[in-house]
Structure formats: C-alpha cells, structure tokens
Protein backbone atom coordinates (compact mmCIF):
# COMPACT_ATOMS: atom_id res chain seq x y z
CA MET A 1 -98.82 7.18 -38.03
CA LEU A 2 -98.95 9.08 -41.31
CA LYS A 3 -101.04 7.81 -44.20
CA ILE A 4 -99.26 8.47 -47.50
CA LEU A 5 -101.27 8.33 -50.75
CA PHE A 6 -99.97 8.35 -54.32
CA PHE A 7 -101.96 9.39 -57.39
CA ALA A 8 -101.67 9.42 -61.19
CA GLN A 9 -98.16 9.03 -62.64
CA THR A 10 -96.64 9.07 -59.17
CA ARG A 11 -98.61 5.95 -58.28
CA GLU A 12 -97.86 4.31 -61.63
CA LEU A 13 -94.11 4.77 -61.24
CA ILE A 14 -93.85 3.31 -57.75
CA GLY A 15 -96.57 0.71 -58.17
CA ILE A 16 -98.52 1.27 -54.94
CA ASP A 17 -101.51 3.35 -53.88
CA GLU A 18 -100.63 4.04 -50.26
CA ILE A 19 -98.35 3.29 -47.34
CA GLU A 20 -98.17 4.19 -43.68
CA LEU A 21 -95.13 5.70 -42.01
CA PRO A 22 -94.35 6.45 -38.39
CA SER A 23 -94.99 10.01 -37.26
CA THR A 24 -91.29 10.85 -36.98
CA PHE A 25 -91.36 13.44 -39.78
CA THR A 26 -92.04 17.14 -39.23
CA THR A 27 -92.69 18.29 -42.82
CA ALA A 28 -94.06 16.88 -46.05
CA GLU A 29 -90.62 17.54 -47.57
CA GLU A 30 -89.00 15.22 -45.02
CA VAL A 31 -91.47 12.50 -46.02
CA ARG A 32 -90.77 13.12 -49.72
CA ALA A 33 -87.00 13.02 -49.22
CA TYR A 34 -87.19 9.82 -47.16
CA LEU A 35 -89.34 8.07 -49.76
CA SER A 36 -87.10 9.26 -52.60
CA GLU A 37 -84.29 7.23 -51.05
CA LYS A 38 -86.20 3.96 -51.58
CA GLY A 39 -84.92 3.58 -55.14
CA GLU A 40 -84.69 5.02 -58.63
CA ARG A 41 -88.42 4.80 -59.41
CA TRP A 42 -89.29 6.45 -56.10
CA ALA A 43 -86.82 9.27 -56.76
CA LEU A 44 -88.25 9.81 -60.25
CA ALA A 45 -91.87 9.70 -59.04
CA LEU A 46 -91.19 12.11 -56.19
CA GLU A 47 -89.03 14.71 -57.95
CA LYS A 48 -89.53 17.88 -55.95
CA GLU A 49 -89.95 20.14 -58.98
CA LYS A 50 -92.67 17.94 -60.51
CA LEU A 51 -94.78 17.21 -57.45
CA LEU A 52 -97.76 18.59 -55.58
CA VAL A 53 -98.74 17.65 -52.05
CA ALA A 54 -102.04 17.73 -50.21
CA ILE A 55 -102.24 17.36 -46.45
CA ASN A 56 -105.64 16.26 -45.17
CA GLN A 57 -107.06 16.98 -48.64
CA THR A 58 -105.81 20.57 -48.75
CA LEU A 59 -103.15 21.60 -51.28
CA MET A 60 -100.07 22.70 -49.32
CA SER A 61 -96.40 23.44 -49.85
CA LEU A 62 -93.78 20.76 -49.25
CA ASP A 63 -92.42 22.69 -46.26
CA SER A 64 -95.79 22.42 -44.48
CA GLN A 65 -95.83 20.76 -41.08
CA VAL A 66 -97.23 17.24 -40.64
CA GLN A 67 -98.35 15.47 -37.50
CA SER A 68 -99.57 12.09 -36.39
CA GLY A 69 -102.83 11.09 -38.06
CA ASP A 70 -102.30 13.27 -41.15
CA GLU A 71 -103.07 12.05 -44.65
CA ILE A 72 -100.40 13.16 -47.13
CA ALA A 73 -101.06 12.80 -50.85
CA PHE A 74 -98.39 13.17 -53.53
CA PHE A 75 -99.35 13.72 -57.17
CA PRO A 76 -98.03 15.41 -60.33
CA PRO A 77 -99.42 18.76 -61.47
CA VAL A 78 -102.49 18.37 -63.65
CA THR A 79 -102.36 19.79 -67.16
CA GLY A 80 -105.13 20.22 -69.64
CA GLY A 81 -105.55 21.15 -73.19
C-alpha cells in the first residue's frame, strides 16, 4: 500500500487529510494523475505546475519512483513575504 497525504490548500480543496492506495503505481506522477481523475476539485488541487511532492518526507520530483510502503505527500509551494 501507499500512504498519500495532503497538506495546506491541497487538503482544503479535496477535503481529506490522507488516503491509502494499492502499490500499483511506479511514480509519484502516476499517483497524481490517477487522483486528478477523481473530479474537478481533485484536478484543481493536484495541478502539476502548482504542486510539490515529498516521498518518505524527502522533497522529490514527480517522476520519482514509488514502492510499497512509501508515504507520498502532496502540497502547494510555500510562499512568504
């Protein structure tokens, strides 16, 4: 299984903190694309150009490999002022 976490605006848009998915995905991008198909809010929350991903608490690129037992977190870039 893969544990998928959502933070900040991403979490607010889809309305959940986390889900689990089967380990049938090979990259974080495949997970993102699959989840984006769940509806309009999911697609908006998981827009590729406005999203960061961490795998096992390490910031990674969306094309990074994932495997069973991984924790994948999606969140928007943080800005400050």
